[in-house]
Amino acid sequence: VALVDANKTHPLYGPFIRGLSYANATAFVSEKPQRQSLIDAYDMVVLQGADPAAALKKVAKAEQEVFDEFFED
């Protein structure tokens, strides 16, 4: 249904519909802590004035722990 011409050429959501053919989904092994990592990085930068690269580096450690625990099993 989404890929009918009327949807693909729609001025508002047409680009999104056309992008589905090459879209990829992010792999989440545990969505809640992974989402929280990104929220924490955003808060560090926007609310606390942290350097964006430093904030991402900090939360990347927590993110890696989630992956390590998941793939350990």
N, C-alpha and C. Protein backbone atom coordinates (compact mmCIF):
# COMPACT_ATOMS: atom_id res chain seq x y z
N VAL A 1 0.83 -1.19 0.00
CA VAL A 1 0.00 0.00 0.00
C VAL A 1 0.87 1.25 0.00
N ALA A 2 1.93 1.26 0.77
CA ALA A 2 2.76 2.46 0.87
C ALA A 2 3.43 2.83 -0.44
N LEU A 3 3.74 1.86 -1.26
CA LEU A 3 4.52 2.12 -2.46
C LEU A 3 3.70 2.42 -3.71
N VAL A 4 2.42 2.74 -3.55
CA VAL A 4 1.62 3.13 -4.71
C VAL A 4 2.08 4.52 -5.17
N ASP A 5 1.90 4.81 -6.46
CA ASP A 5 2.39 6.07 -7.03
C ASP A 5 1.87 7.30 -6.30
N ALA A 6 0.61 7.27 -5.87
CA ALA A 6 0.04 8.43 -5.17
C ALA A 6 0.82 8.75 -3.90
N ASN A 7 1.29 7.73 -3.22
CA ASN A 7 2.07 7.95 -1.99
C ASN A 7 3.52 8.35 -2.31
N LYS A 8 4.11 7.69 -3.30
CA LYS A 8 5.51 7.98 -3.64
C LYS A 8 5.69 9.39 -4.18
N THR A 9 4.67 9.95 -4.79
CA THR A 9 4.79 11.30 -5.36
C THR A 9 4.18 12.37 -4.47
N HIS A 10 3.67 12.01 -3.32
CA HIS A 10 3.07 12.98 -2.41
C HIS A 10 4.13 14.00 -1.99
N PRO A 11 3.81 15.30 -2.00
CA PRO A 11 4.82 16.32 -1.70
C PRO A 11 5.36 16.27 -0.26
N LEU A 12 4.57 15.82 0.68
CA LEU A 12 5.01 15.82 2.08
C LEU A 12 5.72 14.52 2.46
N TYR A 13 5.07 13.40 2.27
CA TYR A 13 5.68 12.14 2.72
C TYR A 13 6.20 11.27 1.60
N GLY A 14 6.16 11.76 0.37
CA GLY A 14 6.71 11.02 -0.76
C GLY A 14 8.19 10.69 -0.61
N PRO A 15 9.03 11.67 -0.22
CA PRO A 15 10.45 11.36 -0.06
C PRO A 15 10.71 10.26 0.97
N PHE A 16 9.94 10.25 2.05
CA PHE A 16 10.08 9.21 3.06
C PHE A 16 9.70 7.85 2.47
N ILE A 17 8.57 7.80 1.78
CA ILE A 17 8.11 6.55 1.17
C ILE A 17 9.14 6.02 0.18
N ARG A 18 9.67 6.90 -0.65
CA ARG A 18 10.67 6.46 -1.64
C ARG A 18 11.95 5.98 -0.96
N GLY A 19 12.26 6.53 0.20
CA GLY A 19 13.47 6.13 0.92
C GLY A 19 13.38 4.76 1.56
N LEU A 20 12.19 4.22 1.66
CA LEU A 20 12.03 2.90 2.28
C LEU A 20 12.79 1.81 1.54
N SER A 21 12.99 1.98 0.25
CA SER A 21 13.65 0.94 -0.53
C SER A 21 15.13 0.77 -0.18
N TYR A 22 15.74 1.80 0.42
CA TYR A 22 17.15 1.68 0.79
C TYR A 22 17.40 1.98 2.27
N ALA A 23 16.34 2.02 3.05
CA ALA A 23 16.46 2.33 4.48
C ALA A 23 17.00 1.14 5.26
N ASN A 24 17.69 1.45 6.35
CA ASN A 24 18.18 0.44 7.28
C ASN A 24 17.73 0.80 8.68
N ALA A 25 17.49 -0.19 9.48
CA ALA A 25 17.10 0.04 10.86
C ALA A 25 18.31 -0.10 11.77
N THR A 26 18.34 0.69 12.81
CA THR A 26 19.40 0.60 13.81
C THR A 26 19.19 -0.65 14.65
N ALA A 27 20.26 -1.37 14.90
CA ALA A 27 20.17 -2.58 15.72
C ALA A 27 20.18 -2.19 17.19
N PHE A 28 19.12 -2.53 17.89
CA PHE A 28 19.05 -2.32 19.32
C PHE A 28 19.08 -3.68 20.00
N VAL A 29 19.96 -3.83 20.96
CA VAL A 29 19.97 -5.08 21.71
C VAL A 29 19.18 -4.93 23.00
N SER A 30 19.08 -3.71 23.48
CA SER A 30 18.28 -3.39 24.66
C SER A 30 17.90 -1.92 24.54
N GLU A 31 16.72 -1.66 24.02
CA GLU A 31 16.37 -0.30 23.62
C GLU A 31 16.41 0.72 24.74
N LYS A 32 15.92 0.39 25.92
CA LYS A 32 15.83 1.39 26.99
C LYS A 32 17.19 1.97 27.37
N PRO A 33 18.19 1.16 27.71
CA PRO A 33 19.48 1.77 28.07
C PRO A 33 20.18 2.44 26.89
N GLN A 34 19.97 1.92 25.68
CA GLN A 34 20.59 2.53 24.52
C GLN A 34 19.96 3.90 24.24
N ARG A 35 18.67 3.99 24.37
CA ARG A 35 17.98 5.28 24.19
C ARG A 35 18.43 6.26 25.28
N GLN A 36 18.55 5.77 26.50
CA GLN A 36 18.96 6.64 27.61
C GLN A 36 20.37 7.19 27.39
N SER A 37 21.25 6.40 26.79
CA SER A 37 22.60 6.89 26.51
C SER A 37 22.57 8.11 25.61
N LEU A 38 21.75 8.07 24.58
CA LEU A 38 21.66 9.20 23.67
C LEU A 38 21.02 10.41 24.36
N ILE A 39 20.01 10.17 25.17
CA ILE A 39 19.39 11.26 25.93
C ILE A 39 20.41 11.88 26.88
N ASP A 40 21.20 11.06 27.54
CA ASP A 40 22.22 11.57 28.45
C ASP A 40 23.25 12.42 27.71
N ALA A 41 23.67 11.97 26.54
CA ALA A 41 24.64 12.75 25.75
C ALA A 41 24.04 14.09 25.36
N TYR A 42 22.81 14.09 24.92
CA TYR A 42 22.12 15.33 24.55
C TYR A 42 22.06 16.28 25.74
N ASP A 43 21.66 15.75 26.90
CA ASP A 43 21.57 16.58 28.11
C ASP A 43 22.92 17.15 28.50
N MET A 44 23.97 16.35 28.38
CA MET A 44 25.31 16.85 28.71
C MET A 44 25.68 18.05 27.85
N VAL A 45 25.35 17.97 26.58
CA VAL A 45 25.71 19.04 25.64
C VAL A 45 24.80 20.25 25.81
N VAL A 46 23.49 20.03 25.77
CA VAL A 46 22.54 21.13 25.76
C VAL A 46 22.35 21.76 27.14
N LEU A 47 22.23 20.94 28.16
CA LEU A 47 21.94 21.46 29.49
C LEU A 47 23.18 21.79 30.31
N GLN A 48 24.28 21.07 30.04
CA GLN A 48 25.47 21.26 30.86
C GLN A 48 26.62 21.90 30.10
N GLY A 49 26.45 22.12 28.80
CA GLY A 49 27.48 22.79 28.01
C GLY A 49 28.70 21.94 27.69
N ALA A 50 28.56 20.63 27.76
CA ALA A 50 29.70 19.74 27.49
C ALA A 50 30.04 19.74 26.00
N ASP A 51 31.27 19.39 25.70
CA ASP A 51 31.71 19.22 24.32
C ASP A 51 30.99 18.01 23.73
N PRO A 52 30.39 18.14 22.54
CA PRO A 52 29.65 17.01 21.96
C PRO A 52 30.48 15.74 21.81
N ALA A 53 31.71 15.87 21.37
CA ALA A 53 32.55 14.68 21.20
C ALA A 53 32.83 14.02 22.54
N ALA A 54 33.06 14.82 23.56
CA ALA A 54 33.32 14.27 24.89
C ALA A 54 32.07 13.57 25.45
N ALA A 55 30.91 14.16 25.21
CA ALA A 55 29.66 13.56 25.68
C ALA A 55 29.43 12.21 25.01
N LEU A 56 29.64 12.16 23.71
CA LEU A 56 29.45 10.89 23.00
C LEU A 56 30.46 9.84 23.44
N LYS A 57 31.69 10.28 23.68
CA LYS A 57 32.71 9.34 24.14
C LYS A 57 32.32 8.74 25.49
N LYS A 58 31.78 9.59 26.36
CA LYS A 58 31.40 9.13 27.69
C LYS A 58 30.25 8.11 27.62
N VAL A 59 29.21 8.43 26.85
CA VAL A 59 28.08 7.50 26.80
C VAL A 59 28.38 6.27 25.95
N ALA A 60 29.38 6.36 25.08
CA ALA A 60 29.75 5.20 24.27
C ALA A 60 30.23 4.05 25.16
N LYS A 61 30.84 4.39 26.28
CA LYS A 61 31.28 3.35 27.22
C LYS A 61 30.09 2.58 27.78
N ALA A 62 29.04 3.31 28.16
CA ALA A 62 27.83 2.65 28.67
C ALA A 62 27.17 1.83 27.58
N GLU A 63 27.16 2.37 26.38
CA GLU A 63 26.58 1.66 25.23
C GLU A 63 27.35 0.36 24.97
N GLN A 64 28.67 0.43 25.05
CA GLN A 64 29.48 -0.76 24.81
C GLN A 64 29.21 -1.83 25.85
N GLU A 65 28.98 -1.42 27.09
CA GLU A 65 28.67 -2.38 28.15
C GLU A 65 27.37 -3.13 27.84
N VAL A 66 26.39 -2.42 27.27
CA VAL A 66 25.13 -3.06 26.90
C VAL A 66 25.39 -4.12 25.82
N PHE A 67 26.19 -3.76 24.81
CA PHE A 67 26.52 -4.72 23.75
C PHE A 67 27.31 -5.89 24.31
N ASP A 68 28.30 -5.61 25.14
CA ASP A 68 29.13 -6.68 25.70
C ASP A 68 28.29 -7.68 26.49
N GLU A 69 27.38 -7.16 27.30
CA GLU A 69 26.53 -8.03 28.10
C GLU A 69 25.62 -8.87 27.20
N PHE A 70 25.07 -8.26 26.18
CA PHE A 70 24.17 -8.98 25.27
C PHE A 70 24.90 -10.09 24.52
N PHE A 71 26.06 -9.76 23.97
CA PHE A 71 26.77 -10.72 23.14
C PHE A 71 27.60 -11.71 23.94
N GLU A 72 27.69 -11.50 25.24
CA GLU A 72 28.40 -12.42 26.12
C GLU A 72 27.68 -13.76 26.20
N ASP A 73 26.36 -13.72 26.12
CA ASP A 73 25.55 -14.93 26.27
C ASP A 73 25.71 -15.80 25.10
